[in-house]
N, C-alpha and C. Protein backbone atom coordinates (compact mmCIF):
# COMPACT_ATOMS: atom_id res chain seq x y z
N MET A 1 10.07 30.31 15.02
CA MET A 1 9.43 30.34 13.92
C MET A 1 9.03 29.26 13.48
N PRO A 2 8.11 29.09 13.17
CA PRO A 2 7.84 27.62 13.04
C PRO A 2 8.18 27.79 11.61
N LYS A 3 8.23 26.04 10.95
CA LYS A 3 9.31 25.44 9.91
C LYS A 3 8.15 25.57 8.82
N LYS A 4 8.35 26.36 7.74
CA LYS A 4 7.40 25.68 6.59
C LYS A 4 7.44 24.62 5.92
N PHE A 5 6.41 23.87 5.46
CA PHE A 5 6.07 22.55 4.30
C PHE A 5 6.10 23.28 3.44
N LYS A 6 6.49 22.31 2.56
CA LYS A 6 6.04 22.07 0.95
C LYS A 6 4.71 22.03 1.01
N SER A 7 3.88 22.19 -0.12
CA SER A 7 2.01 21.60 -0.19
C SER A 7 2.64 19.98 -1.17
N ILE A 8 1.96 19.68 -0.54
CA ILE A 8 1.88 18.40 -1.15
C ILE A 8 0.76 18.73 -2.74
N PRO A 9 1.57 18.30 -3.74
CA PRO A 9 1.12 17.71 -5.16
C PRO A 9 0.05 16.73 -5.45
N LYS A 10 -1.47 17.31 -6.21
CA LYS A 10 -1.79 16.13 -6.67
C LYS A 10 -1.34 15.51 -7.86
N PHE A 11 -1.83 13.76 -7.11
CA PHE A 11 -1.07 13.36 -8.14
C PHE A 11 -2.19 12.72 -9.57
N LYS A 12 -1.62 11.80 -9.99
CA LYS A 12 -3.13 11.63 -11.12
C LYS A 12 -2.89 9.99 -11.48
N SER A 13 -2.56 9.84 -10.37
CA SER A 13 -2.66 7.98 -10.02
C SER A 13 -2.01 7.44 -8.58
N GLU A 14 -2.16 6.73 -8.33
CA GLU A 14 -1.93 6.08 -7.19
C GLU A 14 0.11 5.60 -7.66
N LYS A 15 0.10 5.44 -8.43
CA LYS A 15 2.01 4.94 -9.06
C LYS A 15 2.83 5.80 -9.56
N GLU A 16 1.67 7.32 -9.66
CA GLU A 16 2.36 8.40 -9.39
C GLU A 16 2.76 8.92 -8.07
N GLU A 17 1.79 8.84 -6.77
CA GLU A 17 2.35 8.89 -5.79
C GLU A 17 3.13 8.09 -4.83
N ARG A 18 3.27 7.14 -5.37
CA ARG A 18 4.24 5.92 -5.15
C ARG A 18 5.50 6.86 -5.27
N GLU A 19 5.30 6.88 -6.69
CA GLU A 19 7.14 6.99 -7.51
C GLU A 19 7.70 8.36 -6.60
N PHE A 20 6.65 9.09 -6.61
CA PHE A 20 6.90 10.24 -5.87
C PHE A 20 7.74 10.55 -4.23
N TRP A 21 7.06 9.64 -3.49
CA TRP A 21 7.17 9.38 -1.66
C TRP A 21 8.20 8.49 -2.01
N GLN A 22 8.56 8.11 -3.08
CA GLN A 22 9.77 6.96 -3.23
C GLN A 22 11.00 7.76 -3.55
N THR A 23 10.79 9.41 -3.91
CA THR A 23 12.23 9.91 -4.14
C THR A 23 11.87 11.36 -3.39
N HIS A 24 11.14 11.21 -2.34
CA HIS A 24 10.62 12.75 -1.98
C HIS A 24 10.89 12.12 -0.02
N ASP A 25 11.27 13.40 0.78
CA ASP A 25 11.20 13.50 2.91
C ASP A 25 9.83 13.71 2.84
N SER A 26 8.99 12.71 3.69
CA SER A 26 7.64 13.20 3.66
C SER A 26 7.91 14.46 5.50
N THR A 27 9.07 14.53 5.41
CA THR A 27 8.96 15.38 6.92
C THR A 27 8.82 16.95 5.97
N GLU A 28 9.36 17.07 5.00
CA GLU A 28 9.04 18.03 4.22
C GLU A 28 7.60 18.97 3.64
N TYR A 29 7.58 18.04 4.05
CA TYR A 29 5.50 18.21 4.02
C TYR A 29 4.36 18.05 4.60
N VAL A 30 4.92 16.84 5.31
CA VAL A 30 4.12 16.52 6.71
C VAL A 30 4.58 17.09 7.95
N ASP A 31 3.80 17.74 9.24
CA ASP A 31 3.94 18.10 10.65
C ASP A 31 3.79 16.81 11.35
N TRP A 32 4.79 15.64 11.35
CA TRP A 32 4.58 14.15 11.95
C TRP A 32 5.00 14.99 13.63
N SER A 33 5.01 15.88 14.06
CA SER A 33 5.01 15.80 15.81
C SER A 33 3.48 15.91 15.25
N LYS A 34 2.70 16.76 15.07
CA LYS A 34 1.21 16.90 15.37
C LYS A 34 0.66 15.75 15.50
N ALA A 35 1.28 13.92 14.62
CA ALA A 35 -0.03 13.16 14.16
C ALA A 35 -0.15 12.32 15.76
N GLU A 36 -0.98 11.72 15.58
CA GLU A 36 -2.42 11.70 16.61
C GLU A 36 -2.05 10.07 16.13
N ARG A 37 -2.17 8.63 17.27
CA ARG A 37 -1.90 7.58 16.85
C ARG A 37 -3.85 7.42 16.83
N VAL A 38 -4.61 6.55 16.05
CA VAL A 38 -5.43 6.21 16.05
C VAL A 38 -5.61 4.68 16.08
N GLY A 39 -6.92 4.36 17.07
CA GLY A 39 -7.13 2.96 16.55
C GLY A 39 -8.42 2.95 16.45
N PHE A 40 -8.80 1.66 15.73
CA PHE A 40 -9.99 1.26 14.79
C PHE A 40 -11.08 -0.17 15.92
N PRO A 41 -11.53 0.30 16.96
CA PRO A 41 -11.84 -0.95 17.98
C PRO A 41 -12.90 -1.80 17.34
N ASN A 42 -13.87 -1.00 16.53
CA ASN A 42 -14.86 -2.01 16.09
C ASN A 42 -14.66 -2.31 14.48
N LEU A 43 -13.38 -2.44 14.19
CA LEU A 43 -12.91 -2.60 13.15
C LEU A 43 -13.36 -4.26 12.69
N LYS A 44 -14.13 -4.29 11.40
CA LYS A 44 -14.68 -5.96 11.49
C LYS A 44 -13.86 -6.83 9.48
N LEU A 45 -13.39 -7.71 9.59
CA LEU A 45 -13.30 -7.74 8.68
C LEU A 45 -13.82 -7.94 7.67
N THR A 46 -13.25 -7.24 6.57
CA THR A 46 -14.56 -7.77 5.43
C THR A 46 -14.52 -8.77 4.60
N SER A 47 -13.18 -9.74 5.13
CA SER A 47 -12.78 -10.30 3.92
C SER A 47 -12.87 -12.24 4.58
N ARG A 48 -13.10 -12.86 4.00
CA ARG A 48 -13.02 -14.38 4.99
C ARG A 48 -11.58 -15.11 5.06
N PRO A 49 -11.10 -15.38 6.10
CA PRO A 49 -9.62 -15.73 5.78
C PRO A 49 -9.95 -17.68 5.73
N ILE A 50 -8.99 -17.41 4.30
CA ILE A 50 -8.72 -18.74 4.08
C ILE A 50 -7.33 -19.33 3.89
N THR A 51 -7.07 -20.92 3.32
CA THR A 51 -5.71 -21.11 3.46
C THR A 51 -5.27 -22.07 1.78
N VAL A 52 -4.82 -21.71 1.46
CA VAL A 52 -4.36 -22.39 0.05
C VAL A 52 -2.82 -22.47 0.38
N ARG A 53 -2.92 -23.51 -0.41
CA ARG A 53 -0.74 -23.80 -0.68
C ARG A 53 -0.45 -23.64 -1.59
N LEU A 54 0.05 -23.15 -1.62
CA LEU A 54 1.13 -22.79 -3.07
C LEU A 54 2.63 -23.08 -3.03
N PRO A 55 3.05 -23.09 -4.11
CA PRO A 55 4.57 -23.47 -3.64
C PRO A 55 5.49 -22.33 -3.17
N GLN A 56 6.94 -22.63 -2.90
CA GLN A 56 7.44 -21.78 -2.08
C GLN A 56 8.01 -20.33 -3.30
N ALA A 57 8.43 -21.30 -4.15
CA ALA A 57 8.43 -20.06 -5.41
C ALA A 57 7.73 -18.89 -5.95
N LEU A 58 6.43 -19.41 -6.25
CA LEU A 58 5.88 -18.65 -6.08
C LEU A 58 5.16 -17.42 -5.05
N ILE A 59 5.16 -18.49 -3.84
CA ILE A 59 4.82 -17.04 -3.14
C ILE A 59 6.04 -16.08 -2.79
N ASP A 60 7.68 -16.78 -2.92
CA ASP A 60 8.61 -15.54 -3.04
C ASP A 60 8.93 -14.69 -4.30
N ARG A 61 7.35 -15.47 -5.45
CA ARG A 61 7.29 -14.37 -7.28
C ARG A 61 7.08 -13.21 -6.50
N LEU A 62 5.59 -13.53 -5.87
CA LEU A 62 4.53 -12.94 -5.32
C LEU A 62 5.08 -12.02 -4.39
N LYS A 63 5.89 -12.24 -3.76
CA LYS A 63 6.56 -11.18 -2.66
C LYS A 63 7.12 -9.85 -3.42
N ILE A 64 8.50 -10.55 -4.46
CA ILE A 64 8.59 -9.18 -5.13
C ILE A 64 8.03 -8.58 -6.07
N LYS A 65 7.17 -9.28 -6.39
CA LYS A 65 6.37 -7.97 -7.29
C LYS A 65 5.31 -7.28 -6.72
N ALA A 66 5.33 -7.93 -5.32
CA ALA A 66 4.23 -7.10 -4.09
C ALA A 66 5.00 -5.94 -4.01
N HIS A 67 6.21 -6.34 -3.56
CA HIS A 67 7.22 -4.85 -3.18
C HIS A 67 7.47 -4.10 -4.22
N LYS A 68 7.68 -4.68 -5.67
CA LYS A 68 8.46 -3.31 -6.24
C LYS A 68 6.99 -2.44 -6.57
N LYS A 69 5.37 -2.97 -6.20
CA LYS A 69 4.21 -2.08 -6.45
C LYS A 69 4.37 -1.63 -5.13
N ASP A 70 5.06 -1.91 -4.08
CA ASP A 70 4.68 -1.13 -2.56
C ASP A 70 3.16 -1.68 -2.32
N MET A 71 3.42 -3.25 -2.40
CA MET A 71 1.39 -3.44 -1.57
C MET A 71 1.91 -4.55 -1.06
N PRO A 72 1.23 -5.14 -0.05
CA PRO A 72 1.15 -6.68 0.77
C PRO A 72 0.92 -7.32 -0.38
N TYR A 73 1.56 -8.46 -0.64
CA TYR A 73 1.90 -9.34 -1.45
C TYR A 73 -0.16 -10.56 -0.95
N GLN A 74 -0.30 -10.60 -0.23
CA GLN A 74 -1.93 -11.12 0.11
C GLN A 74 -2.76 -10.01 -1.16
N SER A 75 -2.62 -8.75 -0.93
CA SER A 75 -3.31 -7.50 -1.28
C SER A 75 -2.95 -7.78 -3.51
N LEU A 76 -2.13 -8.26 -3.01
CA LEU A 76 -1.38 -8.31 -4.65
C LEU A 76 -2.22 -9.56 -5.24
N MET A 77 -2.00 -10.65 -4.68
CA MET A 77 -2.99 -11.91 -4.52
C MET A 77 -4.45 -11.90 -4.63
N LYS A 78 -5.02 -11.04 -4.13
CA LYS A 78 -6.30 -10.65 -4.12
C LYS A 78 -6.36 -9.88 -5.76
N ASP A 79 -5.52 -8.85 -5.92
CA ASP A 79 -5.81 -8.03 -7.41
C ASP A 79 -5.77 -9.21 -8.12
N ILE A 80 -5.09 -9.84 -8.57
CA ILE A 80 -4.53 -11.08 -9.36
C ILE A 80 -5.43 -11.79 -9.80
N LEU A 81 -5.88 -12.43 -8.57
CA LEU A 81 -7.38 -13.09 -9.19
C LEU A 81 -8.79 -12.49 -9.34
N TYR A 82 -9.22 -11.00 -8.73
CA TYR A 82 -9.96 -10.82 -9.41
C TYR A 82 -9.92 -10.17 -10.66
N LYS A 83 -8.99 -9.87 -11.02
CA LYS A 83 -8.31 -9.38 -12.36
C LYS A 83 -8.90 -10.75 -13.25
N GLY A 84 -8.57 -11.81 -12.67
CA GLY A 84 -8.46 -13.51 -13.31
C GLY A 84 -9.81 -13.79 -13.73
N LEU A 85 -10.29 -13.62 -12.90
CA LEU A 85 -12.03 -13.72 -12.91
C LEU A 85 -12.23 -12.66 -13.74
N ALA A 86 -12.48 -11.42 -13.55
CA ALA A 86 -13.31 -11.07 -14.41
C ALA A 86 -13.03 -10.58 -15.65
N GLY A 87 -11.80 -11.54 -16.35
CA GLY A 87 -11.43 -12.02 -17.80
C GLY A 87 -11.95 -13.28 -17.69
N ALA A 88 -12.45 -13.94 -17.21
CA ALA A 88 -12.83 -15.07 -17.35
C ALA A 88 -14.29 -15.17 -18.15
């Protein structure tokens, strides 16, 4: 008899979804045995890499804050820069 999976709820925000998955086991909702590995061979960078020198303490703070938001620290840096420029 195949395993019955729970249906994934609808989320009002990314934060709500993140909090849900931090407290629930995805194997109760998704049949990972049917997952397929995919690749994106023609994917091109949409951004340009740059080098910015920052104090190690600032990088550490960014990484901690990004970890709390469950996102890569460089994505958090881009978000902070975007919001800062929007308010400038």
